[in-house]
C-alpha atoms as a PDB file:
ATOM      1  CA  UNK A   1      -7.485  -0.881  20.642  1.00  0.00           C
ATOM      2  CA  UNK A   2      -5.982  -2.452  17.508  1.00  0.00           C
ATOM      3  CA  UNK A   3      -7.376  -5.821  18.494  1.00  0.00           C
ATOM      4  CA  UNK A   4      -5.749  -5.728  21.944  1.00  0.00           C
ATOM      5  CA  UNK A   5      -8.037  -5.906  24.954  1.00  0.00           C
ATOM      6  CA  UNK A   6      -7.780  -3.017  27.426  1.00  0.00           C
ATOM      7  CA  UNK A   7      -5.430  -3.645  30.307  1.00  0.00           C
ATOM      8  CA  UNK A   8      -7.059  -4.501  33.620  1.00  0.00           C
ATOM      9  CA  UNK A   9      -4.926  -3.087  36.394  1.00  0.00           C
ATOM     10  CA  UNK A  10      -4.625  -5.251  39.491  1.00  0.00           C
ATOM     11  CA  UNK A  11      -4.867  -3.841  43.006  1.00  0.00           C
ATOM     12  CA  UNK A  12      -1.519  -2.600  44.317  1.00  0.00           C
ATOM     13  CA  UNK A  13       0.198  -3.119  40.980  1.00  0.00           C
ATOM     14  CA  UNK A  14       3.192  -0.933  40.211  1.00  0.00           C
ATOM     15  CA  UNK A  15       2.548   1.546  37.406  1.00  0.00           C
ATOM     16  CA  UNK A  16       4.181   0.337  34.175  1.00  0.00           C
ATOM     17  CA  UNK A  17       5.364  -2.811  35.879  1.00  0.00           C
ATOM     18  CA  UNK A  18       6.270  -5.899  33.849  1.00  0.00           C
ATOM     19  CA  UNK A  19       2.652  -6.859  33.050  1.00  0.00           C
ATOM     20  CA  UNK A  20       1.760  -3.337  31.888  1.00  0.00           C
ATOM     21  CA  UNK A  21       4.959  -3.092  29.845  1.00  0.00           C
ATOM     22  CA  UNK A  22       4.119  -6.379  28.113  1.00  0.00           C
ATOM     23  CA  UNK A  23       0.613  -5.105  27.382  1.00  0.00           C
ATOM     24  CA  UNK A  24       2.057  -1.865  26.000  1.00  0.00           C
ATOM     25  CA  UNK A  25       4.431  -3.888  23.789  1.00  0.00           C
ATOM     26  CA  UNK A  26       1.436  -5.799  22.401  1.00  0.00           C
ATOM     27  CA  UNK A  27      -0.280  -2.512  21.551  1.00  0.00           C
ATOM     28  CA  UNK A  28       2.865  -1.187  19.860  1.00  0.00           C
ATOM     29  CA  UNK A  29       3.345  -4.434  17.911  1.00  0.00           C
ATOM     30  CA  UNK A  30      -0.267  -4.324  16.716  1.00  0.00           C
ATOM     31  CA  UNK A  31       0.160  -0.681  15.724  1.00  0.00           C
ATOM     32  CA  UNK A  32       3.399  -1.452  13.861  1.00  0.00           C
ATOM     33  CA  UNK A  33       1.710  -4.318  12.001  1.00  0.00           C
ATOM     34  CA  UNK A  34      -1.212  -2.080  11.053  1.00  0.00           C
ATOM     35  CA  UNK A  35       1.184   0.584   9.738  1.00  0.00           C
ATOM     36  CA  UNK A  36       3.100  -2.007   7.733  1.00  0.00           C
ATOM     37  CA  UNK A  37      -0.130  -3.229   6.146  1.00  0.00           C
ATOM     38  CA  UNK A  38      -1.059   0.335   5.242  1.00  0.00           C
ATOM     39  CA  UNK A  39       2.386   0.903   3.726  1.00  0.00           C
ATOM     40  CA  UNK A  40       2.043  -2.286   1.654  1.00  0.00           C
ATOM     41  CA  UNK A  41      -1.393  -1.209   0.404  1.00  0.00           C
ATOM     42  CA  UNK A  42      -0.079   2.249  -0.471  1.00  0.00           C
ATOM     43  CA  UNK A  43       2.947   0.875  -2.330  1.00  0.00           C
ATOM     44  CA  UNK A  44       0.754  -1.588  -4.253  1.00  0.00           C
ATOM     45  CA  UNK A  45      -1.670   1.197  -5.135  1.00  0.00           C
ATOM     46  CA  UNK A  46       1.159   3.438  -6.331  1.00  0.00           C
ATOM     47  CA  UNK A  47       2.617   0.615  -8.430  1.00  0.00           C
ATOM     48  CA  UNK A  48      -0.784  -0.074  -9.992  1.00  0.00           C
ATOM     49  CA  UNK A  49      -1.224   3.598 -10.831  1.00  0.00           C
ATOM     50  CA  UNK A  50       2.258   3.811 -12.330  1.00  0.00           C
ATOM     51  CA  UNK A  51       1.525   0.796 -14.519  1.00  0.00           C
ATOM     52  CA  UNK A  52      -1.767   2.301 -15.724  1.00  0.00           C
ATOM     53  CA  UNK A  53      -0.426   5.765 -16.552  1.00  0.00           C
ATOM     54  CA  UNK A  54       2.673   5.749 -18.727  1.00  0.00           C
ATOM     55  CA  UNK A  55       4.776   8.875 -18.899  1.00  0.00           C
ATOM     56  CA  UNK A  56       4.187  11.347 -21.778  1.00  0.00           C
ATOM     57  CA  UNK A  57       6.987   9.888 -23.913  1.00  0.00           C
ATOM     58  CA  UNK A  58       5.480   6.402 -23.724  1.00  0.00           C
ATOM     59  CA  UNK A  59       2.024   7.745 -24.536  1.00  0.00           C
ATOM     60  CA  UNK A  60       3.381   9.651 -27.562  1.00  0.00           C
ATOM     61  CA  UNK A  61       5.250   6.573 -28.770  1.00  0.00           C
ATOM     62  CA  UNK A  62       2.127   4.409 -28.427  1.00  0.00           C
ATOM     63  CA  UNK A  63       0.014   6.995 -30.234  1.00  0.00           C
ATOM     64  CA  UNK A  64       2.563   7.224 -33.064  1.00  0.00           C
ATOM     65  CA  UNK A  65       2.793   3.433 -33.368  1.00  0.00           C
ATOM     66  CA  UNK A  66      -0.969   3.153 -33.345  1.00  0.00           C
ATOM     67  CA  UNK A  67      -1.269   5.753 -36.104  1.00  0.00           C
ATOM     68  CA  UNK A  68       1.391   3.982 -38.174  1.00  0.00           C
ATOM     69  CA  UNK A  69      -0.333   0.632 -37.686  1.00  0.00           C
ATOM     70  CA  UNK A  70      -3.690   2.009 -38.807  1.00  0.00           C
ATOM     71  CA  UNK A  71      -2.064   3.506 -41.910  1.00  0.00           C
ATOM     72  CA  UNK A  72      -0.391   0.200 -42.653  1.00  0.00           C
ATOM     73  CA  UNK A  73      -3.635  -1.696 -42.171  1.00  0.00           C
ATOM     74  CA  UNK A  74      -5.516   0.763 -44.391  1.00  0.00           C
ATOM     75  CA  UNK A  75      -2.924   0.445 -47.140  1.00  0.00           C
ATOM     76  CA  UNK A  76      -2.981  -3.344 -46.958  1.00  0.00           C
ATOM     77  CA  UNK A  77      -6.767  -3.536 -47.033  1.00  0.00           C
ATOM     78  CA  UNK A  78      -7.210  -1.311 -50.119  1.00  0.00           C
END
């Protein structure tokens, strides 16, 4: 599970003794690390999407500037 080998209980071992607790900690650490990686991927994905999709005001401004630039270019060419 999560790259941690299953625990092999020893004969007469106390349930959740020190060895089992350490094994459980390893599982929890691996799980925490996996969750952190998923969070990082999600944040990066959200940042990429935000960069690719400007808000409506930015899109309108870009469209207006683009239209003005094409008018300017047309006027300069003729």
